[in-house]
Amino acid sequence: MTLRHRLLSLTLVAALTGGLTACGGNDDPETNPSPSTTTSSNDPSPSDDPSEGPSDAGGPPAGWKDKFTREQLNTYNAALRRWQQYTKLANEIYRHGEDTPEARRTFEEYSLFWQRDAVMLARDYDKGGIREEVPPKPLWTYATSIEPNQVAMIQCTDYSAARVTKNGDVLDNKPKHLITPLIVRLTKTTDGKWKFRTSTLKDKTSCAA
């Protein structure tokens, strides 16, 4: 579908389709951030530790970094920073819901399948009236796979306060578990930039389970 790892698949169920489609469940463009730089080996991962949050937020598995080399962790840090940059910019794009040249440039810079995301923005947000007024809150992350050009990570995400509307009406589209894991995958392209590839909401259990 689109880059909207958050509530968009559920939003479209409630507002547009009536059928469930997994958001970013595979690498197909139809399903669904500046050049990356090597971070210092002394730099901590941008958000490895649990933030203050609900008791069911849990935390990253103890010792998860031990299975990776320092070089791999630097690769993960670079990919994670790009993901965080993209998330911040995308929050504003989907809050306003306007199909603008600036929004399309952001997609092109940060998303591997940016044309798909531009179509979704124009069709379902700008024309369709969907707005992500309050985005979900990322709590912590850790890497599950780190390769030179591919990174997969788990992001514990808090949907408690998230708010999505369609033409001003609030949509009842939150996942079953409000504190739930999200699998995020990024790819490093030939120009050296980390770009979002896919995301999958894993709503079988809360993050702490």
N, C-alpha and C. Protein backbone atom coordinates (compact mmCIF):
# COMPACT_ATOMS: atom_id res chain seq x y z
N MET A 1 0.83 -1.19 0.00
CA MET A 1 0.00 0.00 0.00
C MET A 1 0.87 1.25 0.00
N THR A 2 1.01 1.86 1.14
CA THR A 2 1.74 3.10 1.24
C THR A 2 2.74 3.00 2.36
N LEU A 3 3.52 4.04 2.56
CA LEU A 3 4.47 4.03 3.65
C LEU A 3 3.78 4.08 4.99
N ARG A 4 2.49 4.35 5.03
CA ARG A 4 1.84 4.55 6.33
C ARG A 4 1.77 3.26 7.11
N HIS A 5 2.89 2.99 7.82
CA HIS A 5 2.97 1.84 8.69
C HIS A 5 1.96 1.95 9.81
N ARG A 6 1.48 3.15 10.08
CA ARG A 6 0.68 3.39 11.25
C ARG A 6 -0.73 2.84 11.10
N LEU A 7 -1.67 3.75 10.85
CA LEU A 7 -3.07 3.35 10.86
C LEU A 7 -3.69 3.31 9.48
N LEU A 8 -2.89 3.53 8.44
CA LEU A 8 -3.52 3.72 7.14
C LEU A 8 -4.23 2.47 6.65
N SER A 9 -3.64 1.31 6.83
CA SER A 9 -4.34 0.11 6.35
C SER A 9 -5.67 -0.04 7.05
N LEU A 10 -5.71 0.25 8.35
CA LEU A 10 -6.96 0.18 9.08
C LEU A 10 -7.89 1.32 8.70
N THR A 11 -7.31 2.48 8.42
CA THR A 11 -8.10 3.62 7.98
C THR A 11 -8.83 3.30 6.68
N LEU A 12 -8.12 2.69 5.76
CA LEU A 12 -8.73 2.37 4.47
C LEU A 12 -9.80 1.30 4.62
N VAL A 13 -9.59 0.42 5.58
CA VAL A 13 -10.63 -0.57 5.86
C VAL A 13 -11.91 0.13 6.30
N ALA A 14 -11.76 1.07 7.23
CA ALA A 14 -12.92 1.73 7.80
C ALA A 14 -13.57 2.72 6.85
N ALA A 15 -12.74 3.38 6.04
CA ALA A 15 -13.26 4.52 5.30
C ALA A 15 -13.39 4.29 3.81
N LEU A 16 -12.61 3.33 3.27
CA LEU A 16 -12.55 3.27 1.83
C LEU A 16 -12.90 1.91 1.24
N THR A 17 -12.46 0.83 1.89
CA THR A 17 -12.55 -0.45 1.19
C THR A 17 -13.52 -1.44 1.79
N GLY A 18 -13.47 -1.62 3.09
CA GLY A 18 -14.27 -2.66 3.70
C GLY A 18 -13.58 -4.01 3.69
N GLY A 19 -12.34 -4.08 3.16
CA GLY A 19 -11.58 -5.31 3.16
C GLY A 19 -10.21 -5.06 3.71
N LEU A 20 -9.62 -6.03 4.38
CA LEU A 20 -8.35 -5.82 5.05
C LEU A 20 -7.19 -6.06 4.09
N THR A 21 -6.27 -5.09 4.05
CA THR A 21 -5.04 -5.22 3.29
C THR A 21 -3.88 -4.96 4.22
N ALA A 22 -2.91 -5.82 4.25
CA ALA A 22 -1.76 -5.62 5.14
C ALA A 22 -0.92 -4.47 4.62
N CYS A 23 -0.46 -3.64 5.54
CA CYS A 23 0.33 -2.48 5.16
C CYS A 23 1.79 -2.84 5.10
N GLY A 24 2.37 -2.81 3.88
CA GLY A 24 3.78 -3.07 3.75
C GLY A 24 4.19 -4.48 4.10
N GLY A 25 3.35 -5.44 3.81
CA GLY A 25 3.65 -6.79 4.22
C GLY A 25 4.69 -7.49 3.38
N ASN A 26 5.03 -6.96 2.19
CA ASN A 26 6.08 -7.56 1.40
C ASN A 26 6.80 -6.49 0.61
N ASP A 27 7.65 -6.89 -0.33
CA ASP A 27 8.48 -5.92 -1.04
C ASP A 27 7.85 -5.44 -2.33
N ASP A 28 6.65 -5.82 -2.64
CA ASP A 28 5.97 -5.38 -3.85
C ASP A 28 5.60 -3.91 -3.71
N PRO A 29 5.97 -3.05 -4.69
CA PRO A 29 5.63 -1.64 -4.59
C PRO A 29 4.15 -1.39 -4.39
N GLU A 30 3.30 -2.29 -4.83
CA GLU A 30 1.88 -2.04 -4.70
C GLU A 30 1.37 -2.37 -3.31
N THR A 31 2.16 -3.02 -2.51
CA THR A 31 1.76 -3.26 -1.14
C THR A 31 2.47 -2.35 -0.18
N ASN A 32 2.92 -2.11 -0.34
CA ASN A 32 3.74 -1.57 0.70
C ASN A 32 3.89 -2.56 1.71
N PRO A 33 16.67 8.53 4.68
CA PRO A 33 16.02 9.32 4.18
C PRO A 33 17.18 10.17 3.87
N SER A 34 19.01 12.88 2.84
CA SER A 34 20.37 13.08 2.45
C SER A 34 21.19 11.80 2.46
N PRO A 35 22.33 11.71 1.79
CA PRO A 35 23.07 10.46 1.77
C PRO A 35 23.39 10.00 3.19
N SER A 36 23.37 8.67 3.40
CA SER A 36 23.65 8.18 4.74
C SER A 36 25.12 8.36 5.05
N THR A 37 25.42 8.57 6.32
CA THR A 37 26.79 8.73 6.76
C THR A 37 27.06 7.73 7.87
N THR A 38 28.30 7.32 7.99
CA THR A 38 28.68 6.39 9.04
C THR A 38 28.77 7.14 10.35
N THR A 39 28.04 6.71 11.34
CA THR A 39 28.07 7.37 12.63
C THR A 39 29.27 6.90 13.42
N SER A 40 29.69 7.69 14.37
CA SER A 40 30.80 7.33 15.23
C SER A 40 30.47 6.06 16.00
N SER A 41 31.49 5.23 16.20
CA SER A 41 31.25 4.01 16.95
C SER A 41 30.89 4.30 18.39
N ASN A 42 31.12 5.53 18.84
CA ASN A 42 30.77 5.92 20.20
C ASN A 42 29.37 6.48 20.30
N ASP A 43 28.73 6.71 19.16
CA ASP A 43 27.39 7.26 19.17
C ASP A 43 26.40 6.18 19.56
N PRO A 44 25.48 6.48 20.49
CA PRO A 44 24.44 5.51 20.79
C PRO A 44 23.44 5.43 19.66
N SER A 45 22.77 4.29 19.55
CA SER A 45 21.67 4.21 18.61
C SER A 45 20.63 5.23 19.02
N PRO A 46 20.00 5.94 18.05
CA PRO A 46 19.12 7.06 18.38
C PRO A 46 18.01 6.74 19.36
N SER A 47 17.46 5.53 19.39
CA SER A 47 16.39 5.26 20.34
C SER A 47 16.35 3.79 20.72
N ASP A 48 17.43 3.32 21.30
CA ASP A 48 17.49 1.92 21.71
C ASP A 48 16.75 1.65 23.01
N ASP A 49 16.64 2.65 23.85
CA ASP A 49 16.12 2.44 25.19
C ASP A 49 14.66 2.82 25.29
N PRO A 50 13.91 2.15 26.18
CA PRO A 50 12.50 2.49 26.35
C PRO A 50 12.35 3.91 26.85
N SER A 51 11.40 4.64 26.30
CA SER A 51 11.08 5.95 26.83
C SER A 51 10.09 5.78 27.97
N GLU A 52 9.85 6.87 28.70
CA GLU A 52 8.82 6.81 29.72
C GLU A 52 7.50 6.50 29.04
N GLY A 53 6.82 5.48 29.47
CA GLY A 53 5.59 5.12 28.79
C GLY A 53 4.82 4.08 29.57
N PRO A 54 3.78 3.52 28.96
CA PRO A 54 2.93 2.54 29.64
C PRO A 54 3.71 1.31 30.07
N SER A 55 3.19 0.61 31.06
CA SER A 55 3.87 -0.56 31.58
C SER A 55 3.96 -1.68 30.57
N ASP A 56 3.05 -1.72 29.59
CA ASP A 56 3.09 -2.79 28.60
C ASP A 56 3.97 -2.44 27.40
N ALA A 57 4.78 -1.37 27.54
CA ALA A 57 5.68 -1.00 26.46
C ALA A 57 6.90 -1.90 26.41
N GLY A 58 7.27 -2.49 27.56
CA GLY A 58 8.42 -3.37 27.57
C GLY A 58 9.69 -2.64 27.20
N GLY A 59 10.57 -3.32 26.50
CA GLY A 59 11.84 -2.75 26.07
C GLY A 59 12.54 -3.68 25.12
N PRO A 60 13.60 -3.23 24.47
CA PRO A 60 14.34 -4.11 23.55
C PRO A 60 14.87 -5.34 24.28
N PRO A 61 15.05 -6.46 23.58
CA PRO A 61 15.62 -7.65 24.22
C PRO A 61 16.99 -7.36 24.81
N ALA A 62 17.24 -7.84 26.00
CA ALA A 62 18.53 -7.63 26.63
C ALA A 62 19.65 -8.22 25.78
N GLY A 63 20.70 -7.45 25.58
CA GLY A 63 21.87 -7.93 24.86
C GLY A 63 21.69 -8.08 23.36
N TRP A 64 20.68 -7.41 22.79
CA TRP A 64 20.44 -7.61 21.35
C TRP A 64 21.61 -7.14 20.49
N LYS A 65 22.37 -6.17 21.00
CA LYS A 65 23.50 -5.64 20.22
C LYS A 65 24.66 -6.62 20.13
N ASP A 66 24.70 -7.59 21.04
CA ASP A 66 25.86 -8.46 21.14
C ASP A 66 26.08 -9.31 19.89
N LYS A 67 25.02 -9.56 19.13
CA LYS A 67 25.18 -10.43 17.95
C LYS A 67 25.64 -9.65 16.72
N PHE A 68 25.81 -8.33 16.88
CA PHE A 68 26.24 -7.50 15.75
C PHE A 68 27.61 -6.90 16.00
N THR A 69 28.35 -6.65 14.90
CA THR A 69 29.64 -5.98 15.01
C THR A 69 29.44 -4.47 15.15
N ARG A 70 30.52 -3.80 15.52
CA ARG A 70 30.45 -2.33 15.63
C ARG A 70 30.08 -1.71 14.29
N GLU A 71 30.64 -2.25 13.21
CA GLU A 71 30.33 -1.72 11.88
C GLU A 71 28.84 -1.92 11.56
N GLN A 72 28.31 -3.05 11.91
CA GLN A 72 26.88 -3.29 11.67
C GLN A 72 26.01 -2.33 12.48
N LEU A 73 26.39 -2.08 13.72
CA LEU A 73 25.61 -1.15 14.55
C LEU A 73 25.68 0.27 14.00
N ASN A 74 26.82 0.65 13.43
CA ASN A 74 26.91 1.96 12.77
C ASN A 74 25.96 2.03 11.58
N THR A 75 25.89 0.92 10.84
CA THR A 75 24.97 0.85 9.70
C THR A 75 23.54 1.00 10.19
N TYR A 76 23.18 0.29 11.24
CA TYR A 76 21.84 0.39 11.81
C TYR A 76 21.53 1.81 12.27
N ASN A 77 22.50 2.46 12.95
CA ASN A 77 22.27 3.83 13.43
C ASN A 77 21.98 4.78 12.27
N ALA A 78 22.72 4.62 11.17
CA ALA A 78 22.50 5.49 10.01
C ALA A 78 21.11 5.27 9.43
N ALA A 79 20.70 4.00 9.31
CA ALA A 79 19.37 3.71 8.78
C ALA A 79 18.29 4.21 9.71
N LEU A 80 18.47 4.02 11.00
CA LEU A 80 17.48 4.46 11.97
C LEU A 80 17.31 5.97 11.96
N ARG A 81 18.41 6.70 11.83
CA ARG A 81 18.30 8.17 11.78
C ARG A 81 17.48 8.61 10.57
N ARG A 82 17.70 7.95 9.46
CA ARG A 82 16.92 8.30 8.27
C ARG A 82 15.44 7.99 8.47
N TRP A 83 15.15 6.85 9.10
CA TRP A 83 13.77 6.48 9.38
C TRP A 83 13.12 7.51 10.29
N GLN A 84 13.83 7.95 11.30
CA GLN A 84 13.30 8.95 12.21
C GLN A 84 13.07 10.28 11.52
N GLN A 85 14.00 10.66 10.64
CA GLN A 85 13.82 11.89 9.86
C GLN A 85 12.57 11.80 9.00
N TYR A 86 12.43 10.68 8.32
CA TYR A 86 11.28 10.49 7.44
C TYR A 86 9.98 10.51 8.23
N THR A 87 9.96 9.83 9.37
CA THR A 87 8.76 9.81 10.19
C THR A 87 8.33 11.21 10.57
N LYS A 88 9.28 12.05 10.98
CA LYS A 88 8.97 13.41 11.38
C LYS A 88 8.37 14.21 10.22
N LEU A 89 8.97 14.09 9.04
CA LEU A 89 8.47 14.81 7.87
C LEU A 89 7.12 14.26 7.42
N ALA A 90 6.99 12.93 7.43
CA ALA A 90 5.74 12.31 6.98
C ALA A 90 4.59 12.64 7.91
N ASN A 91 4.86 12.78 9.20
CA ASN A 91 3.81 13.17 10.13
C ASN A 91 3.14 14.47 9.69
N GLU A 92 3.95 15.43 9.28
CA GLU A 92 3.41 16.72 8.84
C GLU A 92 2.67 16.59 7.51
N ILE A 93 3.21 15.79 6.60
CA ILE A 93 2.55 15.61 5.30
C ILE A 93 1.16 15.03 5.49
N TYR A 94 1.02 13.99 6.31
CA TYR A 94 -0.25 13.32 6.47
C TYR A 94 -1.18 14.03 7.45
N ARG A 95 -0.61 14.93 8.25
CA ARG A 95 -1.48 15.76 9.09
C ARG A 95 -2.21 16.79 8.24
N HIS A 96 -1.50 17.40 7.31
CA HIS A 96 -2.13 18.37 6.41
C HIS A 96 -2.88 17.70 5.27
N GLY A 97 -2.36 16.58 4.79
CA GLY A 97 -3.03 15.81 3.74
C GLY A 97 -3.08 16.48 2.39
N GLU A 98 -2.14 17.36 2.11
CA GLU A 98 -2.16 18.09 0.84
C GLU A 98 -1.11 17.55 -0.12
N ASP A 99 -1.51 17.34 -1.35
CA ASP A 99 -0.61 16.85 -2.38
C ASP A 99 0.17 18.03 -2.94
N THR A 100 1.36 18.26 -2.42
CA THR A 100 2.17 19.40 -2.83
C THR A 100 3.49 18.93 -3.44
N PRO A 101 4.15 19.77 -4.21
CA PRO A 101 5.47 19.41 -4.74
C PRO A 101 6.47 19.09 -3.63
N GLU A 102 6.39 19.82 -2.53
CA GLU A 102 7.31 19.57 -1.41
C GLU A 102 7.08 18.18 -0.83
N ALA A 103 5.81 17.79 -0.70
CA ALA A 103 5.52 16.45 -0.19
C ALA A 103 6.06 15.38 -1.12
N ARG A 104 5.91 15.57 -2.40
CA ARG A 104 6.42 14.60 -3.37
C ARG A 104 7.94 14.52 -3.35
N ARG A 105 8.60 15.67 -3.15
CA ARG A 105 10.06 15.66 -3.04
C ARG A 105 10.50 14.88 -1.80
N THR A 106 9.76 15.02 -0.72
CA THR A 106 10.07 14.26 0.50
C THR A 106 9.94 12.77 0.24
N PHE A 107 8.86 12.36 -0.41
CA PHE A 107 8.70 10.95 -0.75
C PHE A 107 9.86 10.45 -1.60
N GLU A 108 10.22 11.23 -2.60
CA GLU A 108 11.29 10.82 -3.51
C GLU A 108 12.62 10.68 -2.77
N GLU A 109 12.84 11.55 -1.78
CA GLU A 109 14.09 11.52 -1.02
C GLU A 109 14.17 10.33 -0.07
N TYR A 110 13.04 9.96 0.54
CA TYR A 110 13.07 9.00 1.64
C TYR A 110 12.41 7.66 1.36
N SER A 111 11.60 7.53 0.34
CA SER A 111 10.84 6.30 0.12
C SER A 111 11.28 5.62 -1.17
N LEU A 112 11.52 4.31 -1.08
CA LEU A 112 11.93 3.55 -2.25
C LEU A 112 10.83 3.52 -3.31
N PHE A 113 9.56 3.48 -2.86
CA PHE A 113 8.43 3.44 -3.77
C PHE A 113 7.65 4.76 -3.67
N TRP A 114 8.33 5.86 -3.91
CA TRP A 114 7.75 7.17 -3.66
C TRP A 114 6.57 7.48 -4.57
N GLN A 115 6.57 6.95 -5.79
CA GLN A 115 5.45 7.23 -6.69
C GLN A 115 4.15 6.68 -6.11
N ARG A 116 4.22 5.50 -5.53
CA ARG A 116 3.06 4.90 -4.87
C ARG A 116 2.55 5.80 -3.76
N ASP A 117 3.48 6.32 -2.96
CA ASP A 117 3.10 7.17 -1.83
C ASP A 117 2.47 8.47 -2.30
N ALA A 118 2.98 9.01 -3.40
CA ALA A 118 2.41 10.24 -3.95
C ALA A 118 0.98 10.02 -4.44
N VAL A 119 0.75 8.88 -5.09
CA VAL A 119 -0.60 8.55 -5.55
C VAL A 119 -1.55 8.42 -4.36
N MET A 120 -1.11 7.73 -3.31
CA MET A 120 -1.94 7.55 -2.12
C MET A 120 -2.27 8.89 -1.46
N LEU A 121 -1.27 9.77 -1.38
CA LEU A 121 -1.50 11.08 -0.79
C LEU A 121 -2.54 11.86 -1.58
N ALA A 122 -2.41 11.86 -2.89
CA ALA A 122 -3.34 12.62 -3.72
C ALA A 122 -4.75 12.04 -3.67
N ARG A 123 -4.85 10.73 -3.73
CA ARG A 123 -6.16 10.08 -3.83
C ARG A 123 -6.90 10.01 -2.51
N ASP A 124 -6.21 9.52 -1.46
CA ASP A 124 -6.90 9.20 -0.22
C ASP A 124 -6.85 10.33 0.81
N TYR A 125 -5.86 11.18 0.72
CA TYR A 125 -5.74 12.29 1.66
C TYR A 125 -6.26 13.58 1.06
N ASP A 126 -5.59 14.05 0.00
CA ASP A 126 -5.98 15.33 -0.58
C ASP A 126 -7.43 15.30 -1.08
N LYS A 127 -7.77 14.29 -1.86
CA LYS A 127 -9.13 14.19 -2.39
C LYS A 127 -10.07 13.42 -1.48
N GLY A 128 -9.54 12.44 -0.76
CA GLY A 128 -10.38 11.57 0.05
C GLY A 128 -10.68 12.08 1.44
N GLY A 129 -9.98 13.12 1.88
CA GLY A 129 -10.31 13.74 3.15
C GLY A 129 -9.70 13.11 4.39
N ILE A 130 -8.78 12.14 4.23
CA ILE A 130 -8.15 11.53 5.40
C ILE A 130 -7.06 12.45 5.94
N ARG A 131 -7.01 12.55 7.28
CA ARG A 131 -5.97 13.31 7.96
C ARG A 131 -5.50 12.53 9.17
N GLU A 132 -4.20 12.42 9.33
CA GLU A 132 -3.63 11.80 10.53
C GLU A 132 -3.30 12.93 11.50
N GLU A 133 -4.29 13.32 12.30
CA GLU A 133 -4.16 14.51 13.13
C GLU A 133 -3.18 14.32 14.28
N VAL A 134 -3.16 13.13 14.87
CA VAL A 134 -2.21 12.81 15.93
C VAL A 134 -1.54 11.49 15.57
N PRO A 135 -0.25 11.50 15.29
CA PRO A 135 0.42 10.26 14.90
C PRO A 135 0.69 9.37 16.10
N PRO A 136 0.89 8.07 15.88
CA PRO A 136 1.32 7.20 16.97
C PRO A 136 2.73 7.57 17.42
N LYS A 137 3.08 7.13 18.61
CA LYS A 137 4.35 7.51 19.22
C LYS A 137 5.33 6.34 19.22
N PRO A 138 6.48 6.49 18.57
CA PRO A 138 7.50 5.44 18.68
C PRO A 138 8.13 5.45 20.07
N LEU A 139 8.27 4.27 20.68
CA LEU A 139 8.80 4.18 22.04
C LEU A 139 10.25 3.70 22.07
N TRP A 140 10.56 2.64 21.34
CA TRP A 140 11.93 2.16 21.27
C TRP A 140 12.08 1.27 20.04
N THR A 141 13.32 1.04 19.67
CA THR A 141 13.61 0.21 18.51
C THR A 141 14.81 -0.69 18.77
N TYR A 142 14.91 -1.76 17.99
CA TYR A 142 16.13 -2.55 17.96
C TYR A 142 16.21 -3.25 16.62
N ALA A 143 17.42 -3.57 16.20
CA ALA A 143 17.62 -4.20 14.90
C ALA A 143 17.45 -5.71 15.01
N THR A 144 16.85 -6.30 13.99
CA THR A 144 16.75 -7.75 13.89
C THR A 144 17.65 -8.30 12.79
N SER A 145 17.96 -7.48 11.81
CA SER A 145 18.84 -7.90 10.72
C SER A 145 19.58 -6.67 10.20
N ILE A 146 20.92 -6.79 10.07
CA ILE A 146 21.73 -5.68 9.57
C ILE A 146 22.67 -6.20 8.51
N GLU A 147 22.46 -5.75 7.28
CA GLU A 147 23.34 -6.03 6.17
C GLU A 147 23.83 -4.70 5.60
N PRO A 148 24.87 -4.72 4.78
CA PRO A 148 25.40 -3.45 4.27
C PRO A 148 24.36 -2.57 3.58
N ASN A 149 23.39 -3.20 2.89
CA ASN A 149 22.40 -2.41 2.16
C ASN A 149 20.97 -2.70 2.57
N GLN A 150 20.77 -3.46 3.65
CA GLN A 150 19.42 -3.79 4.11
C GLN A 150 19.41 -3.80 5.64
N VAL A 151 18.42 -3.15 6.24
CA VAL A 151 18.25 -3.17 7.68
C VAL A 151 16.79 -3.44 8.00
N ALA A 152 16.57 -4.35 8.95
CA ALA A 152 15.22 -4.59 9.47
C ALA A 152 15.24 -4.30 10.96
N MET A 153 14.22 -3.63 11.46
CA MET A 153 14.16 -3.28 12.87
C MET A 153 12.74 -3.45 13.39
N ILE A 154 12.65 -3.62 14.70
CA ILE A 154 11.37 -3.63 15.39
C ILE A 154 11.21 -2.29 16.09
N GLN A 155 10.09 -1.62 15.87
CA GLN A 155 9.77 -0.38 16.57
C GLN A 155 8.53 -0.61 17.42
N CYS A 156 8.66 -0.46 18.73
CA CYS A 156 7.48 -0.51 19.59
C CYS A 156 6.76 0.82 19.44
N THR A 157 5.48 0.75 19.11
CA THR A 157 4.72 1.94 18.75
C THR A 157 3.46 2.06 19.60
N ASP A 158 3.24 3.26 20.13
CA ASP A 158 2.09 3.53 21.00
C ASP A 158 1.00 4.23 20.20
N TYR A 159 -0.12 3.55 20.01
CA TYR A 159 -1.24 4.09 19.26
C TYR A 159 -2.33 4.68 20.17
N SER A 160 -2.05 4.79 21.47
CA SER A 160 -3.09 5.18 22.42
C SER A 160 -3.74 6.52 22.07
N ALA A 161 -2.92 7.50 21.73
CA ALA A 161 -3.44 8.84 21.47
C ALA A 161 -3.60 9.15 19.98
N ALA A 162 -3.29 8.17 19.12
CA ALA A 162 -3.37 8.42 17.68
C ALA A 162 -4.79 8.77 17.26
N ARG A 163 -4.89 9.67 16.30
CA ARG A 163 -6.22 10.16 15.87
C ARG A 163 -6.19 10.36 14.36
N VAL A 164 -7.08 9.65 13.67
CA VAL A 164 -7.22 9.78 12.22
C VAL A 164 -8.65 10.17 11.91
N THR A 165 -8.83 11.12 11.00
CA THR A 165 -10.17 11.56 10.61
C THR A 165 -10.35 11.45 9.11
N LYS A 166 -11.62 11.37 8.72
CA LYS A 166 -11.99 11.45 7.30
C LYS A 166 -13.07 12.51 7.17
N ASN A 167 -12.74 13.57 6.47
CA ASN A 167 -13.64 14.71 6.34
C ASN A 167 -14.14 15.20 7.69
N GLY A 168 -13.25 15.19 8.68
CA GLY A 168 -13.56 15.69 10.00
C GLY A 168 -14.12 14.68 10.97
N ASP A 169 -14.52 13.52 10.50
CA ASP A 169 -15.09 12.49 11.37
C ASP A 169 -13.97 11.56 11.86
N VAL A 170 -13.93 11.32 13.16
CA VAL A 170 -12.91 10.45 13.73
C VAL A 170 -13.17 9.01 13.34
N LEU A 171 -12.14 8.32 12.88
CA LEU A 171 -12.25 6.93 12.47
C LEU A 171 -11.84 6.00 13.61
N ASP A 172 -12.61 4.98 13.82
CA ASP A 172 -12.31 3.97 14.84
C ASP A 172 -11.45 2.90 14.20
N ASN A 173 -10.15 3.14 14.19
CA ASN A 173 -9.28 2.28 13.40
C ASN A 173 -7.99 1.91 14.13
N LYS A 174 -8.00 1.92 15.45
CA LYS A 174 -6.78 1.60 16.17
C LYS A 174 -6.57 0.09 16.21
N PRO A 175 -5.31 -0.33 16.28
CA PRO A 175 -5.04 -1.77 16.37
C PRO A 175 -5.54 -2.36 17.69
N LYS A 176 -5.65 -3.68 17.74
CA LYS A 176 -6.15 -4.35 18.94
C LYS A 176 -5.28 -4.05 20.15
N HIS A 177 -3.98 -4.14 19.97
CA HIS A 177 -3.03 -3.82 21.03
C HIS A 177 -2.49 -2.41 20.77
N LEU A 178 -2.76 -1.48 21.68
CA LEU A 178 -2.37 -0.09 21.46
C LEU A 178 -0.87 0.13 21.57
N ILE A 179 -0.18 -0.75 22.29
CA ILE A 179 1.29 -0.71 22.35
C ILE A 179 1.77 -1.96 21.62
N THR A 180 2.14 -1.79 20.37
CA THR A 180 2.33 -2.98 19.52
C THR A 180 3.57 -2.84 18.64
N PRO A 181 4.21 -3.95 18.28
CA PRO A 181 5.43 -3.89 17.48
C PRO A 181 5.15 -3.59 16.00
N LEU A 182 6.10 -2.91 15.40
CA LEU A 182 6.07 -2.61 13.98
C LEU A 182 7.40 -3.03 13.38
N ILE A 183 7.37 -3.84 12.33
CA ILE A 183 8.60 -4.22 11.63
C ILE A 183 8.84 -3.21 10.52
N VAL A 184 10.02 -2.60 10.51
CA VAL A 184 10.38 -1.60 9.51
C VAL A 184 11.61 -2.09 8.75
N ARG A 185 11.57 -1.98 7.43
CA ARG A 185 12.69 -2.38 6.59
C ARG A 185 13.15 -1.21 5.73
N LEU A 186 14.46 -1.01 5.68
CA LEU A 186 15.04 0.06 4.88
C LEU A 186 16.10 -0.52 3.96
N THR A 187 16.28 0.15 2.81
CA THR A 187 17.25 -0.27 1.80
C THR A 187 18.19 0.89 1.49
N LYS A 188 19.47 0.59 1.35
CA LYS A 188 20.44 1.59 0.93
C LYS A 188 20.58 1.52 -0.59
N THR A 189 20.25 2.60 -1.27
CA THR A 189 20.24 2.62 -2.73
C THR A 189 21.64 2.90 -3.27
N THR A 190 21.77 2.82 -4.57
CA THR A 190 23.09 2.95 -5.20
C THR A 190 23.69 4.34 -5.02
N ASP A 191 22.86 5.33 -4.70
CA ASP A 191 23.39 6.67 -4.45
C ASP A 191 23.78 6.88 -2.99
N GLY A 192 23.72 5.81 -2.19
CA GLY A 192 24.18 5.88 -0.82
C GLY A 192 23.14 6.32 0.19
N LYS A 193 21.89 6.44 -0.22
CA LYS A 193 20.85 6.91 0.68
C LYS A 193 20.02 5.76 1.23
N TRP A 194 19.76 5.80 2.53
CA TRP A 194 18.83 4.85 3.13
C TRP A 194 17.41 5.29 2.85
N LYS A 195 16.59 4.36 2.35
CA LYS A 195 15.21 4.68 2.03
C LYS A 195 14.27 3.64 2.62
N PHE A 196 13.12 4.13 3.05
CA PHE A 196 12.07 3.25 3.56
C PHE A 196 11.64 2.28 2.47
N ARG A 197 11.48 1.00 2.87
CA ARG A 197 11.02 0.00 1.91
C ARG A 197 9.64 -0.52 2.27
N THR A 198 9.50 -1.19 3.40
CA THR A 198 8.21 -1.72 3.81
C THR A 198 8.07 -1.64 5.32
N SER A 199 6.84 -1.80 5.79
CA SER A 199 6.57 -1.92 7.23
C SER A 199 5.41 -2.88 7.42
N THR A 200 5.43 -3.59 8.54
CA THR A 200 4.40 -4.56 8.86
C THR A 200 4.00 -4.41 10.31
N LEU A 201 2.73 -4.14 10.57
CA LEU A 201 2.24 -4.05 11.92
C LEU A 201 2.01 -5.45 12.47
N LYS A 202 2.70 -5.80 13.56
CA LYS A 202 2.59 -7.13 14.16
C LYS A 202 1.71 -7.00 15.41
N ASP A 203 0.42 -7.17 15.23
CA ASP A 203 -0.54 -6.87 16.30
C ASP A 203 -1.03 -8.12 17.01
N LYS A 204 -0.21 -9.15 17.11
CA LYS A 204 -0.62 -10.36 17.81
C LYS A 204 -0.51 -10.20 19.32
N THR A 205 0.50 -9.40 19.75
CA THR A 205 0.72 -9.18 21.17
C THR A 205 1.19 -7.75 21.38
N SER A 206 1.20 -7.29 22.64
CA SER A 206 1.78 -5.99 22.95
C SER A 206 3.30 -6.11 22.93
N CYS A 207 3.97 -4.98 22.99
CA CYS A 207 5.44 -4.99 22.92
C CYS A 207 6.07 -5.75 24.08
N ALA A 208 5.43 -5.72 25.24
CA ALA A 208 6.01 -6.33 26.43
C ALA A 208 5.79 -7.84 26.49
N ALA A 209 4.96 -8.37 25.59
CA ALA A 209 4.63 -9.80 25.67
C ALA A 209 5.82 -10.66 25.26
